[in-house]
Amino acid sequence: MADQQHNVAPGIESDPRVCGGDPCIIRTRIPVWVLVQSKRLGMSEADILKSYPTLLAEDIVHAWAYEQLHCEEIDWQIAANEE
């Protein structure tokens, strides 16, 4: 079977077999939209790192960079997962 995982940005990967293909932090199953929504709801970066012990500080940097480039996609994913 061919590897279906794709690095879509530094530190971010998308695999249709993981989280419905939503972009996730590499080495985790944590979707970028979850981190962005946490930030929008007022969580600090320190609180996010405490809540997700597998994350590194650089993962947060990658998530915010991805958000900047793909804000419409992230907004759609947040809305779709709130329903």
PDB file of N, CA and C in Angstrom:
ATOM      1  N   MET A   1       0.844  -1.180   0.000  1.00  0.00           N
ATOM      2  CA  MET A   1       0.000   0.000   0.000  1.00  0.00           C
ATOM      3  C   MET A   1       0.887   1.239   0.000  1.00  0.00           C
ATOM      4  N   ALA A   2       0.593   2.184  -0.838  1.00  0.00           N
ATOM      5  CA  ALA A   2       1.375   3.413  -0.926  1.00  0.00           C
ATOM      6  C   ALA A   2       1.121   4.273   0.299  1.00  0.00           C
ATOM      7  N   ASP A   3       2.145   4.986   0.714  1.00  0.00           N
ATOM      8  CA  ASP A   3       2.014   5.900   1.846  1.00  0.00           C
ATOM      9  C   ASP A   3       1.137   7.074   1.431  1.00  0.00           C
ATOM     10  N   GLN A   4       0.039   7.280   2.144  1.00  0.00           N
ATOM     11  CA  GLN A   4      -0.905   8.334   1.793  1.00  0.00           C
ATOM     12  C   GLN A   4      -0.661   9.601   2.605  1.00  0.00           C
ATOM     13  N   GLN A   5       0.336   9.605   3.445  1.00  0.00           N
ATOM     14  CA  GLN A   5       0.634  10.739   4.303  1.00  0.00           C
ATOM     15  C   GLN A   5       1.387  11.788   3.502  1.00  0.00           C
ATOM     16  N   HIS A   6       1.009  13.039   3.702  1.00  0.00           N
ATOM     17  CA  HIS A   6       1.656  14.126   2.969  1.00  0.00           C
ATOM     18  C   HIS A   6       2.026  15.243   3.927  1.00  0.00           C
ATOM     19  N   ASN A   7       3.267  15.690   3.839  1.00  0.00           N
ATOM     20  CA  ASN A   7       3.648  16.880   4.575  1.00  0.00           C
ATOM     21  C   ASN A   7       3.090  18.058   3.793  1.00  0.00           C
ATOM     22  N   VAL A   8       2.248  18.836   4.434  1.00  0.00           N
ATOM     23  CA  VAL A   8       1.588  19.937   3.737  1.00  0.00           C
ATOM     24  C   VAL A   8       2.216  21.281   4.076  1.00  0.00           C
ATOM     25  N   ALA A   9       3.005  21.319   5.123  1.00  0.00           N
ATOM     26  CA  ALA A   9       3.722  22.526   5.548  1.00  0.00           C
ATOM     27  C   ALA A   9       4.748  22.070   6.578  1.00  0.00           C
ATOM     28  N   PRO A  10       5.720  22.910   6.892  1.00  0.00           N
ATOM     29  CA  PRO A  10       6.684  22.490   7.921  1.00  0.00           C
ATOM     30  C   PRO A  10       5.972  22.104   9.216  1.00  0.00           C
ATOM     31  N   GLY A  11       6.245  20.897   9.683  1.00  0.00           N
ATOM     32  CA  GLY A  11       5.683  20.432  10.929  1.00  0.00           C
ATOM     33  C   GLY A  11       4.233  19.976  10.867  1.00  0.00           C
ATOM     34  N   ILE A  12       3.629  20.008   9.694  1.00  0.00           N
ATOM     35  CA  ILE A  12       2.214  19.665   9.523  1.00  0.00           C
ATOM     36  C   ILE A  12       2.099  18.570   8.470  1.00  0.00           C
ATOM     37  N   GLU A  13       1.241  17.578   8.754  1.00  0.00           N
ATOM     38  CA  GLU A  13       1.012  16.516   7.776  1.00  0.00           C
ATOM     39  C   GLU A  13      -0.478  16.241   7.664  1.00  0.00           C
ATOM     40  N   SER A  14      -0.845  15.661   6.550  1.00  0.00           N
ATOM     41  CA  SER A  14      -2.239  15.285   6.314  1.00  0.00           C
ATOM     42  C   SER A  14      -2.256  13.858   5.805  1.00  0.00           C
ATOM     43  N   ASP A  15      -3.095  13.046   6.441  1.00  0.00           N
ATOM     44  CA  ASP A  15      -3.222  11.644   6.073  1.00  0.00           C
ATOM     45  C   ASP A  15      -4.717  11.322   6.105  1.00  0.00           C
ATOM     46  N   PRO A  16      -5.287  10.876   4.990  1.00  0.00           N
ATOM     47  CA  PRO A  16      -6.723  10.605   4.960  1.00  0.00           C
ATOM     48  C   PRO A  16      -7.167   9.560   5.984  1.00  0.00           C
ATOM     49  N   ARG A  17      -6.227   8.780   6.510  1.00  0.00           N
ATOM     50  CA  ARG A  17      -6.563   7.761   7.512  1.00  0.00           C
ATOM     51  C   ARG A  17      -6.531   8.303   8.938  1.00  0.00           C
ATOM     52  N   VAL A  18      -6.120   9.554   9.100  1.00  0.00           N
ATOM     53  CA  VAL A  18      -5.990  10.155  10.430  1.00  0.00           C
ATOM     54  C   VAL A  18      -6.819  11.432  10.482  1.00  0.00           C
ATOM     55  N   CYS A  19      -7.742  11.492  11.421  1.00  0.00           N
ATOM     56  CA  CYS A  19      -8.561  12.703  11.639  1.00  0.00           C
ATOM     57  C   CYS A  19      -9.239  13.171  10.353  1.00  0.00           C
ATOM     58  N   GLY A  20      -9.676  12.233   9.544  1.00  0.00           N
ATOM     59  CA  GLY A  20     -10.380  12.580   8.320  1.00  0.00           C
ATOM     60  C   GLY A  20      -9.543  13.346   7.308  1.00  0.00           C
ATOM     61  N   GLY A  21      -8.239  13.289   7.464  1.00  0.00           N
ATOM     62  CA  GLY A  21      -7.352  13.997   6.541  1.00  0.00           C
ATOM     63  C   GLY A  21      -7.082  15.437   6.939  1.00  0.00           C
ATOM     64  N   ASP A  22      -7.661  15.882   8.062  1.00  0.00           N
ATOM     65  CA  ASP A  22      -7.369  17.252   8.520  1.00  0.00           C
ATOM     66  C   ASP A  22      -5.874  17.377   8.799  1.00  0.00           C
ATOM     67  N   PRO A  23      -5.285  18.507   8.461  1.00  0.00           N
ATOM     68  CA  PRO A  23      -3.869  18.715   8.756  1.00  0.00           C
ATOM     69  C   PRO A  23      -3.606  18.604  10.260  1.00  0.00           C
ATOM     70  N   CYS A  24      -2.611  17.796  10.603  1.00  0.00           N
ATOM     71  CA  CYS A  24      -2.258  17.544  12.000  1.00  0.00           C
ATOM     72  C   CYS A  24      -0.788  17.874  12.238  1.00  0.00           C
ATOM     73  N   ILE A  25      -0.464  18.052  13.506  1.00  0.00           N
ATOM     74  CA  ILE A  25       0.929  18.220  13.897  1.00  0.00           C
ATOM     75  C   ILE A  25       1.634  16.886  13.649  1.00  0.00           C
ATOM     76  N   ILE A  26       2.806  16.942  13.024  1.00  0.00           N
ATOM     77  CA  ILE A  26       3.589  15.737  12.754  1.00  0.00           C
ATOM     78  C   ILE A  26       3.831  14.999  14.065  1.00  0.00           C
ATOM     79  N   ARG A  27       3.802  13.695  14.036  1.00  0.00           N
ATOM     80  CA  ARG A  27       3.980  12.747  15.134  1.00  0.00           C
ATOM     81  C   ARG A  27       2.791  12.693  16.074  1.00  0.00           C
ATOM     82  N   THR A  28       1.725  13.381  15.766  1.00  0.00           N
ATOM     83  CA  THR A  28       0.557  13.369  16.650  1.00  0.00           C
ATOM     84  C   THR A  28      -0.702  13.163  15.820  1.00  0.00           C
ATOM     85  N   ARG A  29      -1.797  13.074  16.507  1.00  0.00           N
ATOM     86  CA  ARG A  29      -3.107  13.063  15.857  1.00  0.00           C
ATOM     87  C   ARG A  29      -3.860  14.323  16.277  1.00  0.00           C
ATOM     88  N   ILE A  30      -3.127  15.389  16.487  1.00  0.00           N
ATOM     89  CA  ILE A  30      -3.726  16.643  16.927  1.00  0.00           C
ATOM     90  C   ILE A  30      -3.911  17.549  15.712  1.00  0.00           C
ATOM     91  N   PRO A  31      -5.171  17.783  15.312  1.00  0.00           N
ATOM     92  CA  PRO A  31      -5.426  18.652  14.169  1.00  0.00           C
ATOM     93  C   PRO A  31      -5.065  20.106  14.466  1.00  0.00           C
ATOM     94  N   VAL A  32      -4.582  20.785  13.463  1.00  0.00           N
ATOM     95  CA  VAL A  32      -4.245  22.205  13.614  1.00  0.00           C
ATOM     96  C   VAL A  32      -5.469  22.992  14.064  1.00  0.00           C
ATOM     97  N   TRP A  33      -6.648  22.676  13.516  1.00  0.00           N
ATOM     98  CA  TRP A  33      -7.836  23.459  13.863  1.00  0.00           C
ATOM     99  C   TRP A  33      -8.146  23.383  15.352  1.00  0.00           C
ATOM    100  N   VAL A  34      -7.834  22.274  16.011  1.00  0.00           N
ATOM    101  CA  VAL A  34      -8.073  22.141  17.455  1.00  0.00           C
ATOM    102  C   VAL A  34      -7.213  23.143  18.224  1.00  0.00           C
ATOM    103  N   LEU A  35      -5.964  23.268  17.820  1.00  0.00           N
ATOM    104  CA  LEU A  35      -5.063  24.213  18.484  1.00  0.00           C
ATOM    105  C   LEU A  35      -5.495  25.651  18.228  1.00  0.00           C
ATOM    106  N   VAL A  36      -5.877  25.933  16.993  1.00  0.00           N
ATOM    107  CA  VAL A  36      -6.328  27.289  16.648  1.00  0.00           C
ATOM    108  C   VAL A  36      -7.588  27.634  17.436  1.00  0.00           C
ATOM    109  N   GLN A  37      -8.520  26.714  17.516  1.00  0.00           N
ATOM    110  CA  GLN A  37      -9.746  26.972  18.269  1.00  0.00           C
ATOM    111  C   GLN A  37      -9.439  27.169  19.752  1.00  0.00           C
ATOM    112  N   SER A  38      -8.518  26.414  20.282  1.00  0.00           N
ATOM    113  CA  SER A  38      -8.115  26.593  21.682  1.00  0.00           C
ATOM    114  C   SER A  38      -7.567  27.996  21.909  1.00  0.00           C
ATOM    115  N   LYS A  39      -6.737  28.449  20.986  1.00  0.00           N
ATOM    116  CA  LYS A  39      -6.176  29.806  21.086  1.00  0.00           C
ATOM    117  C   LYS A  39      -7.295  30.844  20.998  1.00  0.00           C
ATOM    118  N   ARG A  40      -8.219  30.666  20.068  1.00  0.00           N
ATOM    119  CA  ARG A  40      -9.325  31.612  19.906  1.00  0.00           C
ATOM    120  C   ARG A  40     -10.228  31.657  21.135  1.00  0.00           C
ATOM    121  N   LEU A  41     -10.310  30.544  21.850  1.00  0.00           N
ATOM    122  CA  LEU A  41     -11.133  30.489  23.059  1.00  0.00           C
ATOM    123  C   LEU A  41     -10.397  31.021  24.288  1.00  0.00           C
ATOM    124  N   GLY A  42      -9.172  31.485  24.084  1.00  0.00           N
ATOM    125  CA  GLY A  42      -8.454  32.155  25.161  1.00  0.00           C
ATOM    126  C   GLY A  42      -7.357  31.375  25.848  1.00  0.00           C
ATOM    127  N   MET A  43      -7.078  30.173  25.385  1.00  0.00           N
ATOM    128  CA  MET A  43      -5.995  29.404  26.001  1.00  0.00           C
ATOM    129  C   MET A  43      -4.649  30.010  25.601  1.00  0.00           C
ATOM    130  N   SER A  44      -3.757  30.101  26.563  1.00  0.00           N
ATOM    131  CA  SER A  44      -2.399  30.567  26.267  1.00  0.00           C
ATOM    132  C   SER A  44      -1.617  29.420  25.636  1.00  0.00           C
ATOM    133  N   GLU A  45      -0.490  29.750  25.041  1.00  0.00           N
ATOM    134  CA  GLU A  45       0.356  28.703  24.473  1.00  0.00           C
ATOM    135  C   GLU A  45       0.825  27.749  25.566  1.00  0.00           C
ATOM    136  N   ALA A  46       1.123  28.276  26.745  1.00  0.00           N
ATOM    137  CA  ALA A  46       1.558  27.428  27.857  1.00  0.00           C
ATOM    138  C   ALA A  46       0.445  26.450  28.248  1.00  0.00           C
ATOM    139  N   ASP A  47      -0.797  26.938  28.287  1.00  0.00           N
ATOM    140  CA  ASP A  47      -1.927  26.064  28.623  1.00  0.00           C
ATOM    141  C   ASP A  47      -2.138  24.994  27.553  1.00  0.00           C
ATOM    142  N   ILE A  48      -1.969  25.381  26.296  1.00  0.00           N
ATOM    143  CA  ILE A  48      -2.107  24.406  25.207  1.00  0.00           C
ATOM    144  C   ILE A  48      -1.040  23.322  25.338  1.00  0.00           C
ATOM    145  N   LEU A  49       0.183  23.730  25.611  1.00  0.00           N
ATOM    146  CA  LEU A  49       1.266  22.750  25.764  1.00  0.00           C
ATOM    147  C   LEU A  49       1.018  21.831  26.964  1.00  0.00           C
ATOM    148  N   LYS A  50       0.447  22.358  28.038  1.00  0.00           N
ATOM    149  CA  LYS A  50       0.109  21.515  29.196  1.00  0.00           C
ATOM    150  C   LYS A  50      -1.013  20.536  28.854  1.00  0.00           C
ATOM    151  N   SER A  51      -1.976  20.998  28.058  1.00  0.00           N
ATOM    152  CA  SER A  51      -3.121  20.154  27.697  1.00  0.00           C
ATOM    153  C   SER A  51      -2.742  19.051  26.720  1.00  0.00           C
ATOM    154  N   TYR A  52      -1.714  19.277  25.944  1.00  0.00           N
ATOM    155  CA  TYR A  52      -1.256  18.307  24.938  1.00  0.00           C
ATOM    156  C   TYR A  52       0.228  18.029  25.185  1.00  0.00           C
ATOM    157  N   PRO A  53       0.547  17.154  26.142  1.00  0.00           N
ATOM    158  CA  PRO A  53       1.944  16.943  26.527  1.00  0.00           C
ATOM    159  C   PRO A  53       2.856  16.424  25.416  1.00  0.00           C
ATOM    160  N   THR A  54       2.292  15.898  24.343  1.00  0.00           N
ATOM    161  CA  THR A  54       3.147  15.420  23.248  1.00  0.00           C
ATOM    162  C   THR A  54       3.604  16.565  22.344  1.00  0.00           C
ATOM    163  N   LEU A  55       3.011  17.745  22.513  1.00  0.00           N
ATOM    164  CA  LEU A  55       3.397  18.893  21.683  1.00  0.00           C
ATOM    165  C   LEU A  55       4.683  19.528  22.170  1.00  0.00           C
ATOM    166  N   LEU A  56       5.419  20.059  21.226  1.00  0.00           N
ATOM    167  CA  LEU A  56       6.610  20.853  21.511  1.00  0.00           C
ATOM    168  C   LEU A  56       6.291  22.307  21.169  1.00  0.00           C
ATOM    169  N   ALA A  57       7.053  23.228  21.724  1.00  0.00           N
ATOM    170  CA  ALA A  57       6.838  24.647  21.424  1.00  0.00           C
ATOM    171  C   ALA A  57       6.910  24.904  19.919  1.00  0.00           C
ATOM    172  N   GLU A  58       7.804  24.223  19.226  1.00  0.00           N
ATOM    173  CA  GLU A  58       7.917  24.425  17.775  1.00  0.00           C
ATOM    174  C   GLU A  58       6.656  23.968  17.037  1.00  0.00           C
ATOM    175  N   ASP A  59       5.934  23.001  17.598  1.00  0.00           N
ATOM    176  CA  ASP A  59       4.687  22.551  16.982  1.00  0.00           C
ATOM    177  C   ASP A  59       3.657  23.676  16.979  1.00  0.00           C
ATOM    178  N   ILE A  60       3.628  24.452  18.055  1.00  0.00           N
ATOM    179  CA  ILE A  60       2.708  25.588  18.142  1.00  0.00           C
ATOM    180  C   ILE A  60       3.070  26.617  17.080  1.00  0.00           C
ATOM    181  N   VAL A  61       4.351  26.872  16.910  1.00  0.00           N
ATOM    182  CA  VAL A  61       4.816  27.816  15.880  1.00  0.00           C
ATOM    183  C   VAL A  61       4.363  27.339  14.503  1.00  0.00           C
ATOM    184  N   HIS A  62       4.508  26.052  14.232  1.00  0.00           N
ATOM    185  CA  HIS A  62       4.078  25.504  12.945  1.00  0.00           C
ATOM    186  C   HIS A  62       2.571  25.636  12.764  1.00  0.00           C
ATOM    187  N   ALA A  63       1.813  25.392  13.828  1.00  0.00           N
ATOM    188  CA  ALA A  63       0.352  25.501  13.740  1.00  0.00           C
ATOM    189  C   ALA A  63      -0.066  26.930  13.421  1.00  0.00           C
ATOM    190  N   TRP A  64       0.538  27.922  14.072  1.00  0.00           N
ATOM    191  CA  TRP A  64       0.157  29.324  13.815  1.00  0.00           C
ATOM    192  C   TRP A  64       0.569  29.735  12.403  1.00  0.00           C
ATOM    193  N   ALA A  65       1.705  29.252  11.933  1.00  0.00           N
ATOM    194  CA  ALA A  65       2.124  29.563  10.561  1.00  0.00           C
ATOM    195  C   ALA A  65       1.146  28.953   9.561  1.00  0.00           C
ATOM    196  N   TYR A  66       0.724  27.722   9.822  1.00  0.00           N
ATOM    197  CA  TYR A  66      -0.242  27.070   8.936  1.00  0.00           C
ATOM    198  C   TYR A  66      -1.557  27.838   8.945  1.00  0.00           C
ATOM    199  N   GLU A  67      -1.990  28.264  10.123  1.00  0.00           N
ATOM    200  CA  GLU A  67      -3.229  29.042  10.234  1.00  0.00           C
ATOM    201  C   GLU A  67      -3.160  30.311   9.377  1.00  0.00           C
ATOM    202  N   GLN A  68      -2.036  30.999   9.411  1.00  0.00           N
ATOM    203  CA  GLN A  68      -1.884  32.228   8.630  1.00  0.00           C
ATOM    204  C   GLN A  68      -2.055  31.979   7.134  1.00  0.00           C
ATOM    205  N   LEU A  69      -1.549  30.867   6.659  1.00  0.00           N
ATOM    206  CA  LEU A  69      -1.610  30.552   5.229  1.00  0.00           C
ATOM    207  C   LEU A  69      -2.925  29.918   4.798  1.00  0.00           C
ATOM    208  N   HIS A  70      -3.655  29.334   5.748  1.00  0.00           N
ATOM    209  CA  HIS A  70      -4.853  28.550   5.418  1.00  0.00           C
ATOM    210  C   HIS A  70      -6.018  28.918   6.334  1.00  0.00           C
ATOM    211  N   CYS A  71      -6.210  30.207   6.602  1.00  0.00           N
ATOM    212  CA  CYS A  71      -7.219  30.621   7.580  1.00  0.00           C
ATOM    213  C   CYS A  71      -8.634  30.220   7.173  1.00  0.00           C
ATOM    214  N   GLU A  72      -8.968  30.280   5.901  1.00  0.00           N
ATOM    215  CA  GLU A  72     -10.315  29.884   5.475  1.00  0.00           C
ATOM    216  C   GLU A  72     -10.544  28.393   5.700  1.00  0.00           C
ATOM    217  N   GLU A  73      -9.555  27.577   5.389  1.00  0.00           N
ATOM    218  CA  GLU A  73      -9.649  26.132   5.615  1.00  0.00           C
ATOM    219  C   GLU A  73      -9.839  25.839   7.110  1.00  0.00           C
ATOM    220  N   ILE A  74      -9.064  26.510   7.949  1.00  0.00           N
ATOM    221  CA  ILE A  74      -9.160  26.311   9.398  1.00  0.00           C
ATOM    222  C   ILE A  74     -10.536  26.742   9.896  1.00  0.00           C
ATOM    223  N   ASP A  75     -11.028  27.890   9.437  1.00  0.00           N
ATOM    224  CA  ASP A  75     -12.364  28.357   9.832  1.00  0.00           C
ATOM    225  C   ASP A  75     -13.425  27.329   9.455  1.00  0.00           C
ATOM    226  N   TRP A  76     -13.312  26.757   8.264  1.00  0.00           N
ATOM    227  CA  TRP A  76     -14.273  25.749   7.811  1.00  0.00           C
ATOM    228  C   TRP A  76     -14.201  24.505   8.695  1.00  0.00           C
ATOM    229  N   GLN A  77     -12.990  24.056   9.015  1.00  0.00           N
ATOM    230  CA  GLN A  77     -12.840  22.866   9.846  1.00  0.00           C
ATOM    231  C   GLN A  77     -13.406  23.088  11.248  1.00  0.00           C
ATOM    232  N   ILE A  78     -13.188  24.270  11.803  1.00  0.00           N
ATOM    233  CA  ILE A  78     -13.730  24.577  13.126  1.00  0.00           C
ATOM    234  C   ILE A  78     -15.260  24.552  13.052  1.00  0.00           C
ATOM    235  N   ALA A  79     -15.829  25.213  12.065  1.00  0.00           N
ATOM    236  CA  ALA A  79     -17.284  25.246  11.926  1.00  0.00           C
ATOM    237  C   ALA A  79     -17.852  23.852  11.729  1.00  0.00           C
ATOM    238  N   ALA A  80     -17.209  23.047  10.906  1.00  0.00           N
ATOM    239  CA  ALA A  80     -17.697  21.692  10.620  1.00  0.00           C
ATOM    240  C   ALA A  80     -17.668  20.816  11.870  1.00  0.00           C
ATOM    241  N   ASN A  81     -16.705  21.043  12.734  1.00  0.00           N
ATOM    242  CA  ASN A  81     -16.571  20.217  13.919  1.00  0.00           C
ATOM    243  C   ASN A  81     -17.368  20.741  15.109  1.00  0.00           C
ATOM    244  N   GLU A  82     -17.929  21.930  14.984  1.00  0.00           N
ATOM    245  CA  GLU A  82     -18.781  22.463  16.040  1.00  0.00           C
ATOM    246  C   GLU A  82     -20.207  21.975  15.898  1.00  0.00           C
ATOM    247  N   GLU A  83     -20.560  21.505  14.718  1.00  0.00           N
ATOM    248  CA  GLU A  83     -21.942  21.066  14.460  1.00  0.00           C
ATOM    249  C   GLU A  83     -22.267  19.772  15.162  1.00  0.00           C
TER     250      GLU A  83
END
